[in-house]
Amino acid sequence: MPSWLKYFTMGIEYHHIHHCMTRIPGYNLQECHEYMSKNTKMFDNIVVLSMKNVWDNIFLTLYDESSGRYVSFTEIENKIY
């Protein structure tokens, strides 16, 4: 994530670590991520998204279990009505 955007997101890009290791305080999540990236294989399978990927998928907010994919609210509305 670009450094200028980190100011606004307040480190949300590292929040997944908190879900794995809840005892790590928020102000240490980036340091923990950097350490784990260099010294373990824990994050080897993480997919890195480009800003274009993020923009293309920002409206896919729901998971449709019947199709096994993420969909937008509009797609769900069209299915219902």
PDB file of N, CA and C in Angstrom:
ATOM      1  N   MET A   1       0.845  -1.167   0.000  1.00  0.00           N
ATOM      2  CA  MET A   1       0.000   0.000   0.000  1.00  0.00           C
ATOM      3  C   MET A   1       0.894   1.235   0.000  1.00  0.00           C
ATOM      4  N   PRO A   2       0.573   2.228  -0.822  1.00  0.00           N
ATOM      5  CA  PRO A   2       1.389   3.444  -0.850  1.00  0.00           C
ATOM      6  C   PRO A   2       1.416   4.118   0.522  1.00  0.00           C
ATOM      7  N   SER A   3       2.556   4.696   0.859  1.00  0.00           N
ATOM      8  CA  SER A   3       2.714   5.278   2.196  1.00  0.00           C
ATOM      9  C   SER A   3       1.708   6.397   2.467  1.00  0.00           C
ATOM     10  N   TRP A   4       1.347   7.188   1.453  1.00  0.00           N
ATOM     11  CA  TRP A   4       0.386   8.272   1.669  1.00  0.00           C
ATOM     12  C   TRP A   4      -1.001   7.724   2.009  1.00  0.00           C
ATOM     13  N   LEU A   5      -1.320   6.534   1.517  1.00  0.00           N
ATOM     14  CA  LEU A   5      -2.624   5.942   1.788  1.00  0.00           C
ATOM     15  C   LEU A   5      -2.668   5.284   3.172  1.00  0.00           C
ATOM     16  N   LYS A   6      -1.517   4.865   3.668  1.00  0.00           N
ATOM     17  CA  LYS A   6      -1.451   4.260   5.007  1.00  0.00           C
ATOM     18  C   LYS A   6      -1.923   5.231   6.088  1.00  0.00           C
ATOM     19  N   TYR A   7      -1.730   6.510   5.865  1.00  0.00           N
ATOM     20  CA  TYR A   7      -2.188   7.509   6.824  1.00  0.00           C
ATOM     21  C   TYR A   7      -3.705   7.414   7.016  1.00  0.00           C
ATOM     22  N   PHE A   8      -4.422   7.183   5.938  1.00  0.00           N
ATOM     23  CA  PHE A   8      -5.882   7.125   5.989  1.00  0.00           C
ATOM     24  C   PHE A   8      -6.412   5.761   6.421  1.00  0.00           C
ATOM     25  N   THR A   9      -5.695   4.696   6.107  1.00  0.00           N
ATOM     26  CA  THR A   9      -6.173   3.350   6.438  1.00  0.00           C
ATOM     27  C   THR A   9      -5.765   2.894   7.834  1.00  0.00           C
ATOM     28  N   MET A  10      -4.836   3.618   8.439  1.00  0.00           N
ATOM     29  CA  MET A  10      -4.371   3.331   9.803  1.00  0.00           C
ATOM     30  C   MET A  10      -3.889   1.884   9.958  1.00  0.00           C
ATOM     31  N   GLY A  11      -3.208   1.366   8.941  1.00  0.00           N
ATOM     32  CA  GLY A  11      -2.600   0.043   9.040  1.00  0.00           C
ATOM     33  C   GLY A  11      -3.542  -1.120   8.831  1.00  0.00           C
ATOM     34  N   ILE A  12      -4.669  -0.911   8.176  1.00  0.00           N
ATOM     35  CA  ILE A  12      -5.634  -1.992   7.972  1.00  0.00           C
ATOM     36  C   ILE A  12      -5.030  -3.130   7.143  1.00  0.00           C
ATOM     37  N   GLU A  13      -4.010  -2.827   6.357  1.00  0.00           N
ATOM     38  CA  GLU A  13      -3.389  -3.868   5.535  1.00  0.00           C
ATOM     39  C   GLU A  13      -2.682  -4.937   6.373  1.00  0.00           C
ATOM     40  N   TYR A  14      -2.476  -4.657   7.654  1.00  0.00           N
ATOM     41  CA  TYR A  14      -1.848  -5.636   8.548  1.00  0.00           C
ATOM     42  C   TYR A  14      -2.839  -6.232   9.540  1.00  0.00           C
ATOM     43  N   HIS A  15      -4.088  -5.875   9.430  1.00  0.00           N
ATOM     44  CA  HIS A  15      -5.085  -6.292  10.419  1.00  0.00           C
ATOM     45  C   HIS A  15      -5.318  -7.801  10.434  1.00  0.00           C
ATOM     46  N   HIS A  16      -5.057  -8.483   9.312  1.00  0.00           N
ATOM     47  CA  HIS A  16      -5.236  -9.938   9.276  1.00  0.00           C
ATOM     48  C   HIS A  16      -4.350 -10.638  10.315  1.00  0.00           C
ATOM     49  N   ILE A  17      -3.222 -10.050  10.626  1.00  0.00           N
ATOM     50  CA  ILE A  17      -2.320 -10.644  11.623  1.00  0.00           C
ATOM     51  C   ILE A  17      -2.990 -10.653  12.988  1.00  0.00           C
ATOM     52  N   HIS A  18      -3.738  -9.607  13.286  1.00  0.00           N
ATOM     53  CA  HIS A  18      -4.436  -9.536  14.565  1.00  0.00           C
ATOM     54  C   HIS A  18      -5.416 -10.707  14.723  1.00  0.00           C
ATOM     55  N   HIS A  19      -6.024 -11.143  13.641  1.00  0.00           N
ATOM     56  CA  HIS A  19      -6.962 -12.260  13.715  1.00  0.00           C
ATOM     57  C   HIS A  19      -6.245 -13.584  13.960  1.00  0.00           C
ATOM     58  N   CYS A  20      -5.011 -13.671  13.521  1.00  0.00           N
ATOM     59  CA  CYS A  20      -4.221 -14.893  13.759  1.00  0.00           C
ATOM     60  C   CYS A  20      -3.553 -14.885  15.130  1.00  0.00           C
ATOM     61  N   MET A  21      -3.079 -13.728  15.548  1.00  0.00           N
ATOM     62  CA  MET A  21      -2.334 -13.595  16.798  1.00  0.00           C
ATOM     63  C   MET A  21      -2.881 -12.382  17.567  1.00  0.00           C
ATOM     64  N   THR A  22      -3.937 -12.579  18.328  1.00  0.00           N
ATOM     65  CA  THR A  22      -4.654 -11.465  18.959  1.00  0.00           C
ATOM     66  C   THR A  22      -3.863 -10.748  20.047  1.00  0.00           C
ATOM     67  N   ARG A  23      -2.815 -11.336  20.549  1.00  0.00           N
ATOM     68  CA  ARG A  23      -2.039 -10.677  21.610  1.00  0.00           C
ATOM     69  C   ARG A  23      -1.077  -9.608  21.090  1.00  0.00           C
ATOM     70  N   ILE A  24      -0.913  -9.523  19.782  1.00  0.00           N
ATOM     71  CA  ILE A  24      -0.026  -8.511  19.209  1.00  0.00           C
ATOM     72  C   ILE A  24      -0.800  -7.199  19.109  1.00  0.00           C
ATOM     73  N   PRO A  25      -0.324  -6.138  19.760  1.00  0.00           N
ATOM     74  CA  PRO A  25      -1.036  -4.855  19.709  1.00  0.00           C
ATOM     75  C   PRO A  25      -0.964  -4.235  18.312  1.00  0.00           C
ATOM     76  N   GLY A  26      -1.938  -3.417  17.998  1.00  0.00           N
ATOM     77  CA  GLY A  26      -2.045  -2.809  16.675  1.00  0.00           C
ATOM     78  C   GLY A  26      -0.805  -2.065  16.225  1.00  0.00           C
ATOM     79  N   TYR A  27      -0.126  -1.397  17.151  1.00  0.00           N
ATOM     80  CA  TYR A  27       1.049  -0.614  16.766  1.00  0.00           C
ATOM     81  C   TYR A  27       2.256  -1.487  16.417  1.00  0.00           C
ATOM     82  N   ASN A  28       2.187  -2.805  16.673  1.00  0.00           N
ATOM     83  CA  ASN A  28       3.288  -3.705  16.325  1.00  0.00           C
ATOM     84  C   ASN A  28       2.964  -4.611  15.141  1.00  0.00           C
ATOM     85  N   LEU A  29       1.803  -4.456  14.521  1.00  0.00           N
ATOM     86  CA  LEU A  29       1.398  -5.366  13.455  1.00  0.00           C
ATOM     87  C   LEU A  29       2.299  -5.271  12.227  1.00  0.00           C
ATOM     88  N   GLN A  30       2.691  -4.073  11.816  1.00  0.00           N
ATOM     89  CA  GLN A  30       3.565  -3.932  10.648  1.00  0.00           C
ATOM     90  C   GLN A  30       4.922  -4.577  10.924  1.00  0.00           C
ATOM     91  N   GLU A  31       5.467  -4.328  12.079  1.00  0.00           N
ATOM     92  CA  GLU A  31       6.768  -4.922  12.444  1.00  0.00           C
ATOM     93  C   GLU A  31       6.672  -6.448  12.450  1.00  0.00           C
ATOM     94  N   CYS A  32       5.580  -6.966  13.001  1.00  0.00           N
ATOM     95  CA  CYS A  32       5.373  -8.414  13.034  1.00  0.00           C
ATOM     96  C   CYS A  32       5.271  -8.971  11.613  1.00  0.00           C
ATOM     97  N   HIS A  33       4.532  -8.283  10.764  1.00  0.00           N
ATOM     98  CA  HIS A  33       4.378  -8.721   9.377  1.00  0.00           C
ATOM     99  C   HIS A  33       5.731  -8.789   8.671  1.00  0.00           C
ATOM    100  N   GLU A  34       6.521  -7.747   8.833  1.00  0.00           N
ATOM    101  CA  GLU A  34       7.833  -7.705   8.185  1.00  0.00           C
ATOM    102  C   GLU A  34       8.746  -8.813   8.708  1.00  0.00           C
ATOM    103  N   TYR A  35       8.723  -9.054  10.005  1.00  0.00           N
ATOM    104  CA  TYR A  35       9.532 -10.121  10.590  1.00  0.00           C
ATOM    105  C   TYR A  35       9.091 -11.486  10.062  1.00  0.00           C
ATOM    106  N   MET A  36       7.778 -11.736  10.081  1.00  0.00           N
ATOM    107  CA  MET A  36       7.259 -13.031   9.643  1.00  0.00           C
ATOM    108  C   MET A  36       7.509 -13.252   8.151  1.00  0.00           C
ATOM    109  N   SER A  37       7.448 -12.198   7.361  1.00  0.00           N
ATOM    110  CA  SER A  37       7.695 -12.312   5.923  1.00  0.00           C
ATOM    111  C   SER A  37       9.124 -12.729   5.629  1.00  0.00           C
ATOM    112  N   LYS A  38      10.054 -12.206   6.401  1.00  0.00           N
ATOM    113  CA  LYS A  38      11.471 -12.494   6.163  1.00  0.00           C
ATOM    114  C   LYS A  38      11.920 -13.817   6.778  1.00  0.00           C
ATOM    115  N   ASN A  39      11.326 -14.218   7.897  1.00  0.00           N
ATOM    116  CA  ASN A  39      11.854 -15.342   8.666  1.00  0.00           C
ATOM    117  C   ASN A  39      10.990 -16.600   8.671  1.00  0.00           C
ATOM    118  N   THR A  40       9.820 -16.559   8.083  1.00  0.00           N
ATOM    119  CA  THR A  40       8.962 -17.749   8.047  1.00  0.00           C
ATOM    120  C   THR A  40       8.334 -17.873   6.658  1.00  0.00           C
ATOM    121  N   LYS A  41       7.604 -18.939   6.444  1.00  0.00           N
ATOM    122  CA  LYS A  41       6.888 -19.133   5.182  1.00  0.00           C
ATOM    123  C   LYS A  41       5.392 -18.888   5.362  1.00  0.00           C
ATOM    124  N   MET A  42       5.022 -18.246   6.456  1.00  0.00           N
ATOM    125  CA  MET A  42       3.620 -18.064   6.792  1.00  0.00           C
ATOM    126  C   MET A  42       2.849 -17.274   5.730  1.00  0.00           C
ATOM    127  N   PHE A  43       3.474 -16.292   5.114  1.00  0.00           N
ATOM    128  CA  PHE A  43       2.780 -15.432   4.162  1.00  0.00           C
ATOM    129  C   PHE A  43       3.131 -15.734   2.712  1.00  0.00           C
ATOM    130  N   ASP A  44       3.683 -16.895   2.429  1.00  0.00           N
ATOM    131  CA  ASP A  44       4.100 -17.225   1.068  1.00  0.00           C
ATOM    132  C   ASP A  44       2.937 -17.338   0.086  1.00  0.00           C
ATOM    133  N   ASN A  45       1.756 -17.707   0.555  1.00  0.00           N
ATOM    134  CA  ASN A  45       0.622 -17.921  -0.350  1.00  0.00           C
ATOM    135  C   ASN A  45      -0.328 -16.730  -0.440  1.00  0.00           C
ATOM    136  N   ILE A  46       0.069 -15.590   0.075  1.00  0.00           N
ATOM    137  CA  ILE A  46      -0.796 -14.408   0.044  1.00  0.00           C
ATOM    138  C   ILE A  46      -0.768 -13.789  -1.349  1.00  0.00           C
ATOM    139  N   VAL A  47      -1.939 -13.489  -1.861  1.00  0.00           N
ATOM    140  CA  VAL A  47      -2.068 -12.851  -3.164  1.00  0.00           C
ATOM    141  C   VAL A  47      -1.996 -11.336  -2.966  1.00  0.00           C
ATOM    142  N   VAL A  48      -1.105 -10.699  -3.681  1.00  0.00           N
ATOM    143  CA  VAL A  48      -0.952  -9.251  -3.595  1.00  0.00           C
ATOM    144  C   VAL A  48      -1.796  -8.628  -4.699  1.00  0.00           C
ATOM    145  N   LEU A  49      -2.665  -7.710  -4.309  1.00  0.00           N
ATOM    146  CA  LEU A  49      -3.551  -7.057  -5.269  1.00  0.00           C
ATOM    147  C   LEU A  49      -2.978  -5.718  -5.708  1.00  0.00           C
ATOM    148  N   SER A  50      -3.124  -5.422  -6.982  1.00  0.00           N
ATOM    149  CA  SER A  50      -2.742  -4.095  -7.470  1.00  0.00           C
ATOM    150  C   SER A  50      -3.907  -3.145  -7.198  1.00  0.00           C
ATOM    151  N   MET A  51      -3.667  -1.853  -7.343  1.00  0.00           N
ATOM    152  CA  MET A  51      -4.738  -0.885  -7.139  1.00  0.00           C
ATOM    153  C   MET A  51      -5.859  -1.105  -8.159  1.00  0.00           C
ATOM    154  N   LYS A  52      -5.523  -1.565  -9.366  1.00  0.00           N
ATOM    155  CA  LYS A  52      -6.543  -1.856 -10.372  1.00  0.00           C
ATOM    156  C   LYS A  52      -7.398  -3.038  -9.918  1.00  0.00           C
ATOM    157  N   ASN A  53      -6.761  -4.086  -9.356  1.00  0.00           N
ATOM    158  CA  ASN A  53      -7.529  -5.222  -8.828  1.00  0.00           C
ATOM    159  C   ASN A  53      -8.486  -4.782  -7.739  1.00  0.00           C
ATOM    160  N   VAL A  54      -8.006  -3.916  -6.867  1.00  0.00           N
ATOM    161  CA  VAL A  54      -8.849  -3.429  -5.772  1.00  0.00           C
ATOM    162  C   VAL A  54     -10.039  -2.670  -6.334  1.00  0.00           C
ATOM    163  N   TRP A  55      -9.786  -1.770  -7.277  1.00  0.00           N
ATOM    164  CA  TRP A  55     -10.877  -0.977  -7.855  1.00  0.00           C
ATOM    165  C   TRP A  55     -11.878  -1.876  -8.596  1.00  0.00           C
ATOM    166  N   ASP A  56     -11.375  -2.851  -9.343  1.00  0.00           N
ATOM    167  CA  ASP A  56     -12.260  -3.746 -10.094  1.00  0.00           C
ATOM    168  C   ASP A  56     -13.148  -4.588  -9.187  1.00  0.00           C
ATOM    169  N   ASN A  57     -12.694  -4.840  -7.964  1.00  0.00           N
ATOM    170  CA  ASN A  57     -13.427  -5.728  -7.060  1.00  0.00           C
ATOM    171  C   ASN A  57     -14.074  -5.035  -5.875  1.00  0.00           C
ATOM    172  N   ILE A  58     -13.997  -3.725  -5.830  1.00  0.00           N
ATOM    173  CA  ILE A  58     -14.475  -3.003  -4.651  1.00  0.00           C
ATOM    174  C   ILE A  58     -15.978  -3.155  -4.436  1.00  0.00           C
ATOM    175  N   PHE A  59     -16.718  -3.401  -5.497  1.00  0.00           N
ATOM    176  CA  PHE A  59     -18.165  -3.510  -5.373  1.00  0.00           C
ATOM    177  C   PHE A  59     -18.637  -4.946  -5.173  1.00  0.00           C
ATOM    178  N   LEU A  60     -17.723  -5.894  -5.163  1.00  0.00           N
ATOM    179  CA  LEU A  60     -18.081  -7.285  -4.912  1.00  0.00           C
ATOM    180  C   LEU A  60     -18.059  -7.501  -3.406  1.00  0.00           C
ATOM    181  N   THR A  61     -19.206  -7.351  -2.789  1.00  0.00           N
ATOM    182  CA  THR A  61     -19.262  -7.297  -1.332  1.00  0.00           C
ATOM    183  C   THR A  61     -19.924  -8.499  -0.684  1.00  0.00           C
ATOM    184  N   LEU A  62     -20.558  -9.349  -1.468  1.00  0.00           N
ATOM    185  CA  LEU A  62     -21.274 -10.493  -0.901  1.00  0.00           C
ATOM    186  C   LEU A  62     -20.742 -11.780  -1.497  1.00  0.00           C
ATOM    187  N   TYR A  63     -20.792 -12.849  -0.719  1.00  0.00           N
ATOM    188  CA  TYR A  63     -20.370 -14.152  -1.229  1.00  0.00           C
ATOM    189  C   TYR A  63     -21.604 -14.979  -1.532  1.00  0.00           C
ATOM    190  N   ASP A  64     -21.764 -15.379  -2.780  1.00  0.00           N
ATOM    191  CA  ASP A  64     -22.895 -16.189  -3.212  1.00  0.00           C
ATOM    192  C   ASP A  64     -22.491 -17.657  -3.139  1.00  0.00           C
ATOM    193  N   GLU A  65     -23.014 -18.354  -2.151  1.00  0.00           N
ATOM    194  CA  GLU A  65     -22.635 -19.754  -1.947  1.00  0.00           C
ATOM    195  C   GLU A  65     -23.089 -20.647  -3.091  1.00  0.00           C
ATOM    196  N   SER A  66     -24.200 -20.319  -3.717  1.00  0.00           N
ATOM    197  CA  SER A  66     -24.694 -21.168  -4.804  1.00  0.00           C
ATOM    198  C   SER A  66     -23.772 -21.137  -6.022  1.00  0.00           C
ATOM    199  N   SER A  67     -23.174 -19.971  -6.307  1.00  0.00           N
ATOM    200  CA  SER A  67     -22.254 -19.886  -7.452  1.00  0.00           C
ATOM    201  C   SER A  67     -20.786 -19.999  -7.033  1.00  0.00           C
ATOM    202  N   GLY A  68     -20.518 -19.858  -5.724  1.00  0.00           N
ATOM    203  CA  GLY A  68     -19.148 -19.963  -5.232  1.00  0.00           C
ATOM    204  C   GLY A  68     -18.266 -18.791  -5.614  1.00  0.00           C
ATOM    205  N   ARG A  69     -18.859 -17.594  -5.683  1.00  0.00           N
ATOM    206  CA  ARG A  69     -18.064 -16.411  -6.047  1.00  0.00           C
ATOM    207  C   ARG A  69     -18.619 -15.173  -5.346  1.00  0.00           C
ATOM    208  N   TYR A  70     -17.833 -14.098  -5.373  1.00  0.00           N
ATOM    209  CA  TYR A  70     -18.265 -12.833  -4.800  1.00  0.00           C
ATOM    210  C   TYR A  70     -19.118 -12.090  -5.825  1.00  0.00           C
ATOM    211  N   VAL A  71     -20.159 -11.440  -5.344  1.00  0.00           N
ATOM    212  CA  VAL A  71     -21.082 -10.724  -6.222  1.00  0.00           C
ATOM    213  C   VAL A  71     -21.398  -9.355  -5.624  1.00  0.00           C
ATOM    214  N   SER A  72     -21.984  -8.491  -6.441  1.00  0.00           N
ATOM    215  CA  SER A  72     -22.392  -7.167  -5.973  1.00  0.00           C
ATOM    216  C   SER A  72     -23.830  -7.219  -5.477  1.00  0.00           C
ATOM    217  N   PHE A  73     -24.245  -6.171  -4.778  1.00  0.00           N
ATOM    218  CA  PHE A  73     -25.634  -6.087  -4.329  1.00  0.00           C
ATOM    219  C   PHE A  73     -26.579  -6.075  -5.531  1.00  0.00           C
ATOM    220  N   THR A  74     -26.165  -5.428  -6.618  1.00  0.00           N
ATOM    221  CA  THR A  74     -27.003  -5.342  -7.809  1.00  0.00           C
ATOM    222  C   THR A  74     -27.279  -6.725  -8.381  1.00  0.00           C
ATOM    223  N   GLU A  75     -26.257  -7.577  -8.423  1.00  0.00           N
ATOM    224  CA  GLU A  75     -26.463  -8.934  -8.934  1.00  0.00           C
ATOM    225  C   GLU A  75     -27.464  -9.703  -8.081  1.00  0.00           C
ATOM    226  N   ILE A  76     -27.388  -9.531  -6.776  1.00  0.00           N
ATOM    227  CA  ILE A  76     -28.315 -10.212  -5.878  1.00  0.00           C
ATOM    228  C   ILE A  76     -29.723  -9.670  -6.064  1.00  0.00           C
ATOM    229  N   GLU A  77     -29.858  -8.351  -6.191  1.00  0.00           N
ATOM    230  CA  GLU A  77     -31.170  -7.743  -6.416  1.00  0.00           C
ATOM    231  C   GLU A  77     -31.798  -8.283  -7.689  1.00  0.00           C
ATOM    232  N   ASN A  78     -30.979  -8.424  -8.729  1.00  0.00           N
ATOM    233  CA  ASN A  78     -31.506  -8.932 -10.003  1.00  0.00           C
ATOM    234  C   ASN A  78     -31.950 -10.377  -9.894  1.00  0.00           C
ATOM    235  N   LYS A  79     -31.307 -11.159  -9.038  1.00  0.00           N
ATOM    236  CA  LYS A  79     -31.697 -12.564  -8.839  1.00  0.00           C
ATOM    237  C   LYS A  79     -33.032 -12.660  -8.089  1.00  0.00           C
ATOM    238  N   ILE A  80     -33.218 -11.765  -7.126  1.00  0.00           N
ATOM    239  CA  ILE A  80     -34.393 -11.821  -6.268  1.00  0.00           C
ATOM    240  C   ILE A  80     -35.638 -11.347  -7.007  1.00  0.00           C
ATOM    241  N   TYR A  81     -35.516 -10.281  -7.787  1.00  0.00           N
ATOM    242  CA  TYR A  81     -36.705  -9.694  -8.429  1.00  0.00           C
ATOM    243  C   TYR A  81     -36.863 -10.132  -9.840  1.00  0.00           C
TER     244      TYR A  81
END
